[in-house]
Amino acid sequence: RMSAGDDGMGSTKHIEFDLKGTCIEYHTADNLAICPENDPEMVKQAASFLGLNLDEWFHMEYDRYELGPIFPTPCTVRTALSCYISLNLVPSRSTLAKLANFATMQEHRERLKYLASKEGKDEYHSRIVDRKHDLVDIFEMFPSIHKPELGSFFEILPKLQPRYYTISSSSVKHPNRIHVTASIVNEKKPGLPEGRIFRGACTTFLDRLTPREGAINGKRPKDERGVPAVWPHAYVFVRKSTFKLPQDISTPIILIGPGTGISPMRAFIQERESQDPEKRGDAILFFGCRRETEDFIYREELLEAVNTGVLTKLHTAFSRQQATKVYVQQLLKREASTVWSYVAEKRAHIYVCGGTQMGKDTQHALEEIVQEYGNLNKSEAHDYVENLTKTKRYIQELWSA
């Protein structure tokens, strides 16, 4: 299931992982760590610029590392560039300084060292960071980094790390499947004549991984020749989350999750389906996206949850659907009286999931509500919300953009 952005540069995708035949277990709204692989085309480009044979085998000496090698070898160059090196990451200044040692041209060595230096900091940000130049771009810009000694070269490069996603399914409703709601990142990358696109490593991996047309409802996907293909797979593991529903199901909950921040909220809503409707407390959801017709990926599910009473109230904000942008924190202020009643009188638990700036704005809006309706000063309102956090009645899972 997918919703596409109006600019063609991004989308939101619903992905399901089949757990049958594995020992993986999860709890509702846990985090799923996904170990991505780099785009094969990017791997080919990197090898081409470096003058490396993708099928060449190499190994690292174990006694060089106190805690063992940085990744398992022997392996091929293809495996190292695909699975272990973060090719699409904007390299740090320290990485550029280390790469300078592998450049055979003095001009390239000096340029890399300058960009890595304190004096070249501003130019590093304007020419490398702002233009989203990744490692492959650097290899192209400095072609004298050619046929390096593999062991020491791979040692200095940034490593590909797992990406964490809040699980958007309930383990009660889907014990053998994990649902993930991911934003597929595609952004125009300035600064190169090719007009390259910046793509998120993991979301692009998931986009390649998920079966295309004809691979739904249990039908095995086929390759371009029509031959049944191997089911796609990924290396994943589960990490516990701070998001837990109240033990007392009669406790009301306020859910705030714009964009893919809907993930744990959807999981909670599914969990509530199994709870006694006579005993469970109210649930209010504040959800936001760009446009209702393009980005409201779980629209039918949420409306059905309202119709069946699983969700008490759904408030939506669409930031690009009208002349004036509307965000979830503004909806929160509009419903200030209701929010205060639930927090102060009904002792509701509040859950917030999304970007860090949204989290800051939401907390600020909540503090303003507390200040106004609780007749407190600004400092007292801040302390009130801090106490909600300490008592686990205000829980946030936020990420940087």
Protein backbone atom coordinates (compact mmCIF):
# COMPACT_ATOMS: atom_id res chain seq x y z
CA ARG A 1 0.00 0.00 0.00
CA MET A 2 1.47 3.37 -0.93
CA SER A 3 0.62 7.05 -1.14
CA ALA A 4 2.58 9.26 -3.53
CA GLY A 5 3.62 12.85 -2.98
CA ASP A 6 2.47 15.47 -5.42
CA ASP A 7 6.03 16.37 -6.41
CA GLY A 8 6.93 12.81 -7.38
CA MET A 9 9.91 12.94 -5.02
CA GLY A 10 8.57 10.93 -2.11
CA SER A 11 5.90 8.59 -0.88
CA THR A 12 4.71 6.69 2.17
CA LYS A 13 4.71 2.92 1.99
CA HIS A 14 3.05 0.23 4.12
CA ILE A 15 5.27 -2.86 4.33
CA GLU A 16 4.60 -6.20 6.02
CA PHE A 17 7.23 -8.68 7.21
CA ASP A 18 6.24 -12.34 7.51
CA LEU A 19 7.70 -13.81 10.72
CA LYS A 20 6.77 -17.43 10.06
CA GLY A 21 9.79 -19.71 10.33
CA THR A 22 11.71 -17.21 12.48
CA CYS A 23 12.17 -16.87 16.24
CA ILE A 24 11.25 -13.17 16.17
CA GLU A 25 8.60 -11.99 18.63
CA TYR A 26 7.40 -8.46 19.25
CA HIS A 27 5.05 -6.39 21.35
CA THR A 28 2.68 -3.74 20.04
CA ALA A 29 4.51 -0.53 18.96
CA ASP A 30 8.01 -1.99 19.49
CA ASN A 31 10.76 -0.84 17.13
CA LEU A 32 11.92 -2.89 14.16
CA ALA A 33 15.59 -2.54 13.21
CA ILE A 34 16.18 -3.13 9.52
CA CYS A 35 19.67 -3.79 8.14
CA PRO A 36 19.58 -2.21 4.67
CA GLU A 37 21.69 -2.85 1.60
CA ASN A 38 22.92 -0.12 -0.73
CA ASP A 39 21.42 0.46 -4.15
CA PRO A 40 23.19 -1.91 -6.63
CA GLU A 41 23.67 0.96 -9.10
CA MET A 42 25.36 3.05 -6.41
CA VAL A 43 27.60 0.08 -5.58
CA LYS A 44 28.60 -0.24 -9.24
CA GLN A 45 29.33 3.49 -9.45
CA ALA A 46 31.50 3.41 -6.33
CA ALA A 47 33.50 0.44 -7.62
CA SER A 48 33.90 2.07 -11.03
CA PHE A 49 35.21 5.36 -9.62
CA LEU A 50 37.59 3.49 -7.31
CA GLY A 51 38.78 1.11 -10.03
CA LEU A 52 37.73 -1.95 -8.02
CA ASN A 53 36.56 -5.35 -9.19
CA LEU A 54 33.26 -6.10 -7.46
CA ASP A 55 33.95 -9.84 -7.47
CA GLU A 56 37.40 -9.54 -5.89
CA TRP A 57 37.76 -11.25 -2.51
CA PHE A 58 39.68 -9.72 0.38
CA HIS A 59 40.10 -10.19 4.11
CA MET A 60 41.06 -8.12 7.14
CA GLU A 61 43.63 -9.18 9.71
CA TYR A 62 41.84 -10.06 12.95
CA ASP A 63 44.76 -9.12 15.18
CA ARG A 64 44.50 -5.48 14.07
CA TYR A 65 41.28 -4.97 16.01
CA GLU A 66 40.81 -5.27 19.77
CA LEU A 67 37.12 -6.13 19.40
CA GLY A 68 37.44 -8.08 16.16
CA PRO A 69 37.17 -6.90 12.55
CA ILE A 70 34.79 -4.08 11.64
CA PHE A 71 32.81 -6.49 9.45
CA PRO A 72 33.16 -10.19 8.64
CA THR A 73 35.73 -11.19 6.04
CA PRO A 74 36.72 -12.75 3.73
CA CYS A 75 34.09 -11.23 1.50
CA THR A 76 33.86 -9.68 -1.93
CA VAL A 77 34.12 -5.99 -2.71
CA ARG A 78 30.48 -6.19 -3.79
CA THR A 79 29.42 -7.50 -0.38
CA ALA A 80 31.44 -4.86 1.47
CA LEU A 81 30.04 -1.98 -0.59
CA SER A 82 26.50 -3.39 -0.54
CA CYS A 83 26.12 -4.42 3.09
CA TYR A 84 28.73 -2.75 5.27
CA ILE A 85 29.68 0.71 3.94
CA SER A 86 27.31 3.69 4.14
CA LEU A 87 27.69 4.97 0.58
CA ASN A 88 24.88 7.52 0.62
CA LEU A 89 25.94 9.19 3.87
CA VAL A 90 27.38 12.71 3.64
CA PRO A 91 30.99 12.08 4.77
CA SER A 92 32.19 13.80 7.91
CA ARG A 93 35.22 16.09 7.94
CA SER A 94 37.21 13.39 9.72
CA THR A 95 36.35 10.92 6.94
CA LEU A 96 37.55 13.42 4.32
CA ALA A 97 40.81 13.83 6.25
CA LYS A 98 41.33 10.07 6.21
CA LEU A 99 40.42 9.81 2.53
CA ALA A 100 43.14 12.38 1.77
CA ASN A 101 45.72 9.72 2.63
CA PHE A 102 44.42 7.54 -0.22
CA ALA A 103 44.53 10.26 -2.91
CA THR A 104 47.56 9.87 -5.19
CA MET A 105 47.43 13.44 -6.54
CA GLN A 106 48.82 16.13 -4.26
CA GLU A 107 46.13 18.58 -5.40
CA HIS A 108 43.40 16.16 -4.27
CA ARG A 109 45.14 15.44 -0.96
CA GLU A 110 45.43 19.13 -0.16
CA ARG A 111 41.84 19.84 -1.19
CA LEU A 112 40.45 17.05 1.00
CA LYS A 113 42.59 18.13 3.94
CA TYR A 114 41.40 21.72 3.53
CA LEU A 115 37.72 20.69 3.51
CA ALA A 116 38.41 18.68 6.66
CA SER A 117 40.21 21.55 8.39
CA LYS A 118 38.90 24.25 10.70
CA GLU A 119 39.67 26.85 8.00
CA GLY A 120 37.64 24.95 5.41
CA LYS A 121 34.64 24.27 7.66
CA ASP A 122 32.34 26.80 5.97
CA GLU A 123 33.20 25.55 2.49
CA TYR A 124 32.71 21.95 3.65
CA HIS A 125 29.16 22.83 4.72
CA SER A 126 28.32 24.84 1.59
CA ARG A 127 29.87 22.46 -0.95
CA ILE A 128 29.47 19.05 0.68
CA VAL A 129 26.73 19.10 3.33
CA ASP A 130 24.27 21.53 1.73
CA ARG A 131 24.59 19.76 -1.63
CA LYS A 132 24.14 16.35 0.01
CA HIS A 133 27.30 14.95 -1.57
CA ASP A 134 27.69 11.32 -0.53
CA LEU A 135 30.74 9.05 -0.64
CA VAL A 136 30.15 8.11 -4.28
CA ASP A 137 30.14 11.80 -5.20
CA ILE A 138 33.43 12.24 -3.33
CA PHE A 139 34.98 9.30 -5.21
CA GLU A 140 33.91 10.95 -8.48
CA MET A 141 35.17 14.40 -7.46
CA PHE A 142 38.58 13.02 -6.41
CA PRO A 143 39.42 10.32 -8.98
CA SER A 144 42.98 9.87 -7.69
CA ILE A 145 41.43 7.85 -4.83
CA HIS A 146 41.98 4.83 -7.05
CA LYS A 147 42.58 1.14 -6.36
CA PRO A 148 43.20 1.62 -2.63
CA GLU A 149 44.45 -1.16 -0.35
CA LEU A 150 41.10 -2.67 0.57
CA GLY A 151 41.54 -3.56 4.23
CA SER A 152 42.80 -0.18 5.41
CA PHE A 153 40.48 1.67 3.01
CA PHE A 154 37.27 0.03 4.19
CA GLU A 155 38.42 0.50 7.78
CA ILE A 156 38.08 4.30 7.54
CA LEU A 157 34.73 4.47 5.73
CA PRO A 158 31.44 5.05 7.63
CA LYS A 159 29.59 1.83 8.32
CA LEU A 160 26.03 1.08 7.25
CA GLN A 161 23.90 1.08 10.40
CA PRO A 162 20.47 -0.48 11.08
CA ARG A 163 17.50 1.84 10.70
CA TYR A 164 14.77 1.77 13.34
CA TYR A 165 11.06 1.98 12.59
CA THR A 166 8.21 2.05 15.07
CA ILE A 167 6.08 -1.01 14.36
CA SER A 168 2.63 -0.06 13.11
CA SER A 169 0.85 -3.31 13.96
CA SER A 170 -0.51 -4.99 17.07
CA SER A 171 1.09 -8.27 18.11
CA VAL A 172 -2.34 -9.35 19.34
CA LYS A 173 -3.96 -8.89 15.95
CA HIS A 174 -0.91 -9.83 13.84
CA PRO A 175 1.34 -12.16 15.88
CA ASN A 176 3.11 -13.50 12.78
CA ARG A 177 3.49 -10.27 10.85
CA ILE A 178 5.19 -6.96 11.51
CA HIS A 179 3.86 -3.87 9.77
CA VAL A 180 6.09 -0.88 9.05
CA THR A 181 5.04 2.52 7.71
CA ALA A 182 8.00 4.12 5.95
CA SER A 183 8.53 7.41 4.17
CA ILE A 184 10.42 6.76 0.93
CA VAL A 185 12.98 9.57 0.73
CA ASN A 186 13.73 10.97 -2.74
CA GLU A 187 15.11 14.51 -2.88
CA LYS A 188 16.68 16.49 -5.69
CA LYS A 189 20.38 16.81 -5.01
CA PRO A 190 21.88 20.17 -6.07
CA GLY A 191 25.42 20.73 -7.22
CA LEU A 192 25.96 18.05 -9.87
CA PRO A 193 25.21 18.43 -13.59
CA GLU A 194 23.45 15.05 -13.66
CA GLY A 195 20.80 16.37 -11.28
CA ARG A 196 21.11 13.28 -9.11
CA ILE A 197 18.50 12.29 -6.57
CA PHE A 198 19.23 11.78 -2.88
CA ARG A 199 17.54 8.57 -1.73
CA GLY A 200 17.35 7.28 1.81
CA ALA A 201 19.41 4.09 2.15
CA CYS A 202 16.85 2.01 4.04
CA THR A 203 13.65 3.30 2.48
CA THR A 204 15.13 2.80 -1.00
CA PHE A 205 16.13 -0.71 0.05
CA LEU A 206 12.57 -1.37 1.22
CA ASP A 207 11.22 0.09 -2.01
CA ARG A 208 13.35 -2.38 -4.00
CA LEU A 209 12.55 -5.20 -1.63
CA THR A 210 8.78 -5.11 -1.64
CA PRO A 211 7.04 -7.28 -4.25
CA ARG A 212 5.57 -5.52 -7.22
CA GLU A 213 2.29 -6.16 -9.00
CA GLY A 214 1.29 -9.80 -9.02
CA ALA A 215 3.02 -10.51 -5.71
CA ILE A 216 0.08 -9.89 -3.43
CA ASN A 217 -2.42 -12.15 -1.72
CA GLY A 218 0.22 -14.84 -1.26
CA LYS A 219 1.14 -15.08 -4.94
CA ARG A 220 4.83 -15.62 -5.48
CA PRO A 221 6.54 -12.79 -7.41
CA LYS A 222 8.00 -13.51 -10.85
CA ASP A 223 11.10 -12.17 -12.57
CA GLU A 224 11.19 -10.47 -15.96
CA ARG A 225 11.09 -13.89 -17.68
CA GLY A 226 7.98 -14.92 -15.80
CA VAL A 227 9.88 -17.43 -13.65
CA PRO A 228 8.83 -17.59 -9.96
CA ALA A 229 11.36 -15.59 -7.98
CA VAL A 230 12.73 -16.06 -4.48
CA TRP A 231 10.64 -14.21 -1.90
CA PRO A 232 12.44 -11.02 -0.87
CA HIS A 233 13.90 -11.00 2.63
CA ALA A 234 15.68 -8.65 5.01
CA TYR A 235 17.79 -8.97 8.14
CA VAL A 236 15.84 -7.47 11.03
CA PHE A 237 15.60 -7.53 14.81
CA VAL A 238 13.21 -6.07 17.39
CA ARG A 239 14.05 -3.40 19.96
CA LYS A 240 11.76 -2.60 22.87
CA SER A 241 9.88 0.68 22.78
CA THR A 242 8.87 3.23 25.38
CA PHE A 243 5.36 3.18 23.90
CA LYS A 244 3.07 1.01 26.02
CA LEU A 245 -0.67 1.28 26.45
CA PRO A 246 -1.82 1.97 30.04
CA GLN A 247 -2.24 -1.20 32.09
CA ASP A 248 -5.69 0.01 33.09
CA ILE A 249 -7.59 -0.11 29.79
CA SER A 250 -10.13 2.40 31.13
CA THR A 251 -7.44 5.12 31.05
CA PRO A 252 -8.08 7.53 28.15
CA ILE A 253 -5.31 8.08 25.60
CA ILE A 254 -4.46 11.05 23.39
CA LEU A 255 -2.48 10.08 20.29
CA ILE A 256 -0.51 12.65 18.28
CA GLY A 257 1.16 11.27 15.17
CA PRO A 258 1.50 13.18 11.90
CA GLY A 259 2.95 11.50 8.80
CA THR A 260 4.67 8.21 9.56
CA GLY A 261 4.26 9.13 13.23
CA ILE A 262 0.92 7.37 12.80
CA SER A 263 2.79 4.04 13.16
CA PRO A 264 2.46 3.34 16.92
CA MET A 265 -0.98 4.98 16.96
CA ARG A 266 -2.22 2.51 14.36
CA ALA A 267 -0.74 -0.32 16.45
CA PHE A 268 -2.56 0.95 19.54
CA ILE A 269 -5.84 1.24 17.64
CA GLN A 270 -5.49 -2.37 16.47
CA GLU A 271 -4.75 -3.43 20.06
CA ARG A 272 -7.88 -1.66 21.29
CA GLU A 273 -9.99 -3.79 18.93
CA SER A 274 -9.33 -6.75 21.24
CA GLN A 275 -10.26 -4.83 24.41
CA ASP A 276 -13.67 -4.90 26.06
CA PRO A 277 -15.56 -1.90 24.59
CA GLU A 278 -17.46 -1.54 27.87
CA LYS A 279 -14.23 -1.08 29.82
CA ARG A 280 -11.76 0.65 27.52
CA GLY A 281 -11.27 4.38 27.86
CA ASP A 282 -11.58 7.01 25.16
CA ALA A 283 -8.95 7.40 22.44
CA ILE A 284 -8.45 10.68 20.57
CA LEU A 285 -6.13 10.84 17.56
CA PHE A 286 -4.51 13.95 16.09
CA PHE A 287 -3.14 13.10 12.64
CA GLY A 288 -1.62 15.31 9.98
CA CYS A 289 -0.22 15.00 6.46
CA ARG A 290 0.16 17.15 3.36
CA ARG A 291 -3.04 16.37 1.46
CA GLU A 292 -5.98 14.14 2.30
CA THR A 293 -6.20 12.73 -1.23
CA GLU A 294 -2.50 11.86 -1.48
CA ASP A 295 -0.92 11.19 1.91
CA PHE A 296 -3.72 9.89 4.14
CA ILE A 297 -2.44 6.31 3.87
CA TYR A 298 -4.68 4.73 6.55
CA ARG A 299 -7.74 6.86 5.91
CA GLU A 300 -10.27 4.02 5.57
CA GLU A 301 -8.90 2.17 8.60
CA LEU A 302 -9.10 5.23 10.83
CA LEU A 303 -12.59 6.19 9.70
CA GLU A 304 -13.72 2.62 10.36
CA ALA A 305 -12.15 2.80 13.83
CA VAL A 306 -14.23 5.91 14.53
CA ASN A 307 -17.39 4.24 13.21
CA THR A 308 -16.89 1.19 15.43
CA GLY A 309 -15.99 3.22 18.52
CA VAL A 310 -12.41 1.92 18.74
CA LEU A 311 -11.36 5.51 18.14
CA THR A 312 -13.41 8.12 19.98
CA LYS A 313 -12.42 11.11 17.87
CA LEU A 314 -10.19 11.76 14.85
CA HIS A 315 -8.76 15.25 14.26
CA THR A 316 -6.94 15.79 10.96
CA ALA A 317 -4.63 18.54 9.71
CA PHE A 318 -3.60 18.87 6.05
CA SER A 319 -0.68 21.25 5.63
CA ARG A 320 -0.93 21.78 1.86
CA GLN A 321 -4.62 21.37 1.15
CA GLN A 322 -5.54 24.99 1.75
CA ALA A 323 -3.91 28.40 1.60
CA THR A 324 -3.13 28.41 5.33
CA LYS A 325 -1.06 25.47 6.57
CA VAL A 326 -2.54 23.54 9.48
CA TYR A 327 -0.46 21.30 11.75
CA VAL A 328 -1.33 18.89 14.56
CA GLN A 329 -0.07 21.24 17.28
CA GLN A 330 -2.58 23.82 16.06
CA LEU A 331 -5.37 21.24 16.26
CA LEU A 332 -4.26 20.54 19.81
CA LYS A 333 -4.70 24.22 20.68
CA ARG A 334 -8.14 24.29 19.02
CA GLU A 335 -9.20 21.41 21.23
CA ALA A 336 -7.52 22.91 24.29
CA SER A 337 -10.52 22.61 26.61
CA THR A 338 -11.04 18.94 25.75
CA VAL A 339 -7.33 18.17 26.03
CA TRP A 340 -7.12 19.81 29.46
CA SER A 341 -10.20 17.95 30.66
CA TYR A 342 -8.71 14.61 29.63
CA VAL A 343 -5.30 15.38 31.13
CA ALA A 344 -6.34 17.02 34.41
CA GLU A 345 -9.60 15.24 35.23
CA LYS A 346 -9.45 11.88 33.43
CA ARG A 347 -5.68 11.41 33.82
CA ALA A 348 -5.18 10.58 30.17
CA HIS A 349 -1.89 9.32 28.77
CA ILE A 350 -0.44 11.28 25.84
CA TYR A 351 1.67 9.69 23.08
CA VAL A 352 3.60 11.74 20.51
CA CYS A 353 5.48 10.30 17.52
CA GLY A 354 7.16 12.16 14.65
CA GLY A 355 9.91 14.65 13.90
CA THR A 356 11.83 16.46 16.63
CA GLN A 357 10.55 19.90 15.63
CA MET A 358 6.95 18.67 15.69
CA GLY A 359 7.65 17.21 19.13
CA LYS A 360 8.95 20.55 20.41
CA ASP A 361 6.00 22.43 18.93
CA THR A 362 3.54 19.93 20.39
CA GLN A 363 5.04 20.14 23.87
CA HIS A 364 4.99 23.94 23.65
CA ALA A 365 1.30 23.82 22.66
CA LEU A 366 0.54 21.47 25.55
CA GLU A 367 2.35 23.75 28.01
CA GLU A 368 0.31 26.71 26.77
CA ILE A 369 -2.90 24.71 27.30
CA VAL A 370 -1.80 23.76 30.82
CA GLN A 371 -0.85 27.36 31.58
CA GLU A 372 -4.18 28.77 30.41
CA TYR A 373 -6.61 26.18 31.74
CA GLY A 374 -4.64 25.28 34.86
CA ASN A 375 -4.16 28.94 35.84
CA LEU A 376 -0.39 28.44 36.09
CA ASN A 377 2.53 30.62 35.10
CA LYS A 378 4.88 29.57 32.29
CA SER A 379 7.42 27.90 34.58
CA GLU A 380 4.74 26.00 36.49
CA ALA A 381 3.14 24.81 33.25
CA HIS A 382 6.52 23.54 32.05
CA ASP A 383 7.03 21.67 35.33
CA TYR A 384 3.53 20.20 35.04
CA VAL A 385 4.33 18.69 31.63
CA GLU A 386 7.73 17.53 32.89
CA ASN A 387 5.94 15.68 35.67
CA LEU A 388 3.68 14.03 33.09
CA THR A 389 6.85 12.79 31.40
CA LYS A 390 8.36 11.50 34.66
CA THR A 391 5.17 9.61 35.51
CA LYS A 392 5.05 8.17 31.96
CA ARG A 393 1.82 9.91 31.08
CA TYR A 394 3.51 11.94 28.35
CA ILE A 395 5.64 9.74 26.08
CA GLN A 396 7.46 10.81 22.94
CA GLU A 397 9.34 8.95 20.21
CA LEU A 398 10.94 11.53 17.95
CA TRP A 399 13.48 11.50 15.16
CA SER A 400 15.53 14.14 13.37
CA ALA A 401 14.66 15.00 9.78
